[in-house]
Amino acid sequence: MTALEKKAYEVACAARKTIKSFMVFPSTGTSEEKAFDAVIKAEKYVVENGYQYGSMCGDMPIAIANDSVEYIAKWRNIDPSEYSKMHGVMVCNPDFRNGDVGVAIFN
């Protein structure tokens, strides 16, 4: 299990969900022009698949939900009792700026 998969699995367990699909968006470099390239691709993938995502908060996960959820808070503002409302998560390794991004969609 990769570090990205482990992070996604930990969130899924906290939400009492299982992972239906997992996609990795690799970073293409550390230059200023390439900063955030993996997260931009991941965000596009999330939207193209009918979901929305919350705001970035450092290297914390980013919650994913379908249109039934009106607002998705930053990870630090999501109460653990609300994890069950998530439909997926974006995780990074080591960070969203220059790292790879994984997108997990929950069952």
C-alpha atoms as a PDB file:
ATOM      1  CA  MET A   1       0.000   0.000   0.000  1.00  0.00           C
ATOM      2  CA  THR A   2       1.421   3.376  -1.011  1.00  0.00           C
ATOM      3  CA  ALA A   3       1.511   6.387   1.314  1.00  0.00           C
ATOM      4  CA  LEU A   4      -1.330   7.988  -0.667  1.00  0.00           C
ATOM      5  CA  GLU A   5      -3.478   4.854  -0.425  1.00  0.00           C
ATOM      6  CA  LYS A   6      -2.776   4.624   3.309  1.00  0.00           C
ATOM      7  CA  LYS A   7      -3.906   8.223   3.888  1.00  0.00           C
ATOM      8  CA  ALA A   8      -7.098   7.656   1.878  1.00  0.00           C
ATOM      9  CA  TYR A   9      -7.763   4.386   3.714  1.00  0.00           C
ATOM     10  CA  GLU A  10      -7.381   6.101   7.107  1.00  0.00           C
ATOM     11  CA  VAL A  11      -9.958   8.740   6.127  1.00  0.00           C
ATOM     12  CA  ALA A  12     -12.313   6.079   4.753  1.00  0.00           C
ATOM     13  CA  CYS A  13     -12.067   4.148   8.024  1.00  0.00           C
ATOM     14  CA  ALA A  14     -12.794   7.302  10.052  1.00  0.00           C
ATOM     15  CA  ALA A  15     -15.839   7.928   7.835  1.00  0.00           C
ATOM     16  CA  ARG A  16     -16.865   4.255   8.138  1.00  0.00           C
ATOM     17  CA  LYS A  17     -16.750   3.918   4.354  1.00  0.00           C
ATOM     18  CA  THR A  18     -14.965   1.696   1.872  1.00  0.00           C
ATOM     19  CA  ILE A  19     -13.050   2.909  -1.153  1.00  0.00           C
ATOM     20  CA  LYS A  20     -14.782   2.257  -4.484  1.00  0.00           C
ATOM     21  CA  SER A  21     -12.067   3.754  -6.682  1.00  0.00           C
ATOM     22  CA  PHE A  22      -8.649   5.320  -6.231  1.00  0.00           C
ATOM     23  CA  MET A  23      -6.783   7.418  -8.792  1.00  0.00           C
ATOM     24  CA  VAL A  24      -3.286   8.913  -8.533  1.00  0.00           C
ATOM     25  CA  PHE A  25      -2.291  12.185 -10.175  1.00  0.00           C
ATOM     26  CA  PRO A  26       1.513  12.380 -10.183  1.00  0.00           C
ATOM     27  CA  SER A  27       3.344  15.653  -9.763  1.00  0.00           C
ATOM     28  CA  THR A  28       5.444  16.642 -12.757  1.00  0.00           C
ATOM     29  CA  GLY A  29       8.104  18.599 -10.922  1.00  0.00           C
ATOM     30  CA  THR A  30       9.027  21.134  -8.285  1.00  0.00           C
ATOM     31  CA  SER A  31       9.450  24.285 -10.382  1.00  0.00           C
ATOM     32  CA  GLU A  32       7.189  27.296  -9.864  1.00  0.00           C
ATOM     33  CA  GLU A  33       5.444  26.605 -13.189  1.00  0.00           C
ATOM     34  CA  LYS A  34       4.636  23.054 -12.079  1.00  0.00           C
ATOM     35  CA  ALA A  35       3.439  23.961  -8.558  1.00  0.00           C
ATOM     36  CA  PHE A  36       0.025  22.484  -7.756  1.00  0.00           C
ATOM     37  CA  ASP A  37      -0.180  20.712 -11.146  1.00  0.00           C
ATOM     38  CA  ALA A  38      -1.270  17.380  -9.631  1.00  0.00           C
ATOM     39  CA  VAL A  39      -3.979  18.926  -7.462  1.00  0.00           C
ATOM     40  CA  ILE A  40      -5.312  20.931 -10.422  1.00  0.00           C
ATOM     41  CA  LYS A  41      -5.634  17.695 -12.427  1.00  0.00           C
ATOM     42  CA  ALA A  42      -7.272  15.953  -9.453  1.00  0.00           C
ATOM     43  CA  GLU A  43      -9.780  18.778  -8.968  1.00  0.00           C
ATOM     44  CA  LYS A  44     -10.694  18.637 -12.658  1.00  0.00           C
ATOM     45  CA  TYR A  45     -11.217  14.864 -12.395  1.00  0.00           C
ATOM     46  CA  VAL A  46     -13.458  15.290  -9.340  1.00  0.00           C
ATOM     47  CA  VAL A  47     -15.675  17.869 -11.076  1.00  0.00           C
ATOM     48  CA  GLU A  48     -15.832  15.878 -14.336  1.00  0.00           C
ATOM     49  CA  ASN A  49     -17.135  12.922 -12.341  1.00  0.00           C
ATOM     50  CA  GLY A  50     -19.994  14.883 -10.795  1.00  0.00           C
ATOM     51  CA  TYR A  51     -18.521  15.762  -7.424  1.00  0.00           C
ATOM     52  CA  GLN A  52     -17.407  18.926  -5.668  1.00  0.00           C
ATOM     53  CA  TYR A  53     -14.533  19.458  -3.256  1.00  0.00           C
ATOM     54  CA  GLY A  54     -13.714  21.557  -0.214  1.00  0.00           C
ATOM     55  CA  SER A  55     -10.999  24.139   0.297  1.00  0.00           C
ATOM     56  CA  MET A  56      -7.341  23.257   0.663  1.00  0.00           C
ATOM     57  CA  CYS A  57      -5.934  23.435   4.198  1.00  0.00           C
ATOM     58  CA  GLY A  58      -2.189  22.807   4.122  1.00  0.00           C
ATOM     59  CA  ASP A  59      -1.426  19.138   3.598  1.00  0.00           C
ATOM     60  CA  MET A  60      -4.674  17.958   5.217  1.00  0.00           C
ATOM     61  CA  PRO A  61      -7.126  15.897   3.151  1.00  0.00           C
ATOM     62  CA  ILE A  62      -9.721  17.664   0.989  1.00  0.00           C
ATOM     63  CA  ALA A  63     -13.272  16.350   1.350  1.00  0.00           C
ATOM     64  CA  ILE A  64     -15.255  15.352  -1.738  1.00  0.00           C
ATOM     65  CA  ALA A  65     -19.062  15.213  -1.900  1.00  0.00           C
ATOM     66  CA  ASN A  66     -21.829  15.071  -4.459  1.00  0.00           C
ATOM     67  CA  ASP A  67     -24.321  17.887  -5.072  1.00  0.00           C
ATOM     68  CA  SER A  68     -26.492  16.841  -2.129  1.00  0.00           C
ATOM     69  CA  VAL A  69     -24.004  18.625   0.159  1.00  0.00           C
ATOM     70  CA  GLU A  70     -24.362  22.427   0.030  1.00  0.00           C
ATOM     71  CA  TYR A  71     -20.975  23.404   1.469  1.00  0.00           C
ATOM     72  CA  ILE A  72     -17.734  21.551   2.109  1.00  0.00           C
ATOM     73  CA  ALA A  73     -15.535  23.085   4.784  1.00  0.00           C
ATOM     74  CA  LYS A  74     -11.768  22.941   5.091  1.00  0.00           C
ATOM     75  CA  TRP A  75     -10.653  19.677   6.680  1.00  0.00           C
ATOM     76  CA  ARG A  76      -9.778  21.266  10.022  1.00  0.00           C
ATOM     77  CA  ASN A  77     -13.351  22.607  10.274  1.00  0.00           C
ATOM     78  CA  ILE A  78     -15.091  19.312   9.520  1.00  0.00           C
ATOM     79  CA  ASP A  79     -16.354  17.631  12.666  1.00  0.00           C
ATOM     80  CA  PRO A  80     -15.706  13.877  12.749  1.00  0.00           C
ATOM     81  CA  SER A  81     -19.464  13.356  13.088  1.00  0.00           C
ATOM     82  CA  GLU A  82     -19.777  14.800   9.554  1.00  0.00           C
ATOM     83  CA  TYR A  83     -17.279  12.400   7.921  1.00  0.00           C
ATOM     84  CA  SER A  84     -20.111  10.066   6.934  1.00  0.00           C
ATOM     85  CA  LYS A  85     -21.473  12.785   4.594  1.00  0.00           C
ATOM     86  CA  MET A  86     -18.298  12.644   2.478  1.00  0.00           C
ATOM     87  CA  HIS A  87     -18.313  10.776  -0.813  1.00  0.00           C
ATOM     88  CA  GLY A  88     -14.549  10.777  -1.179  1.00  0.00           C
ATOM     89  CA  VAL A  89     -11.298  12.501  -0.351  1.00  0.00           C
ATOM     90  CA  MET A  90      -8.196  14.003  -1.970  1.00  0.00           C
ATOM     91  CA  VAL A  91      -4.897  13.286  -0.237  1.00  0.00           C
ATOM     92  CA  CYS A  92      -1.325  14.348  -0.974  1.00  0.00           C
ATOM     93  CA  ASN A  93       2.212  13.085  -0.523  1.00  0.00           C
ATOM     94  CA  PRO A  94       4.143  14.991   0.698  1.00  0.00           C
ATOM     95  CA  ASP A  95       2.102  18.158  -0.027  1.00  0.00           C
ATOM     96  CA  PHE A  96      -0.340  19.606  -2.544  1.00  0.00           C
ATOM     97  CA  ARG A  97       2.194  22.119  -3.900  1.00  0.00           C
ATOM     98  CA  ASN A  98       4.773  19.701  -5.297  1.00  0.00           C
ATOM     99  CA  GLY A  99       3.514  16.240  -4.402  1.00  0.00           C
ATOM    100  CA  ASP A 100       1.402  13.512  -5.893  1.00  0.00           C
ATOM    101  CA  VAL A 101      -2.349  13.630  -5.252  1.00  0.00           C
ATOM    102  CA  GLY A 102      -4.674  10.680  -4.739  1.00  0.00           C
ATOM    103  CA  VAL A 103      -8.441  10.796  -5.202  1.00  0.00           C
ATOM    104  CA  ALA A 104     -10.504   8.172  -3.395  1.00  0.00           C
ATOM    105  CA  ILE A 105     -14.209   7.819  -4.094  1.00  0.00           C
ATOM    106  CA  PHE A 106     -16.146   5.999  -1.379  1.00  0.00           C
ATOM    107  CA  ASN A 107     -18.927   3.411  -1.717  1.00  0.00           C
END
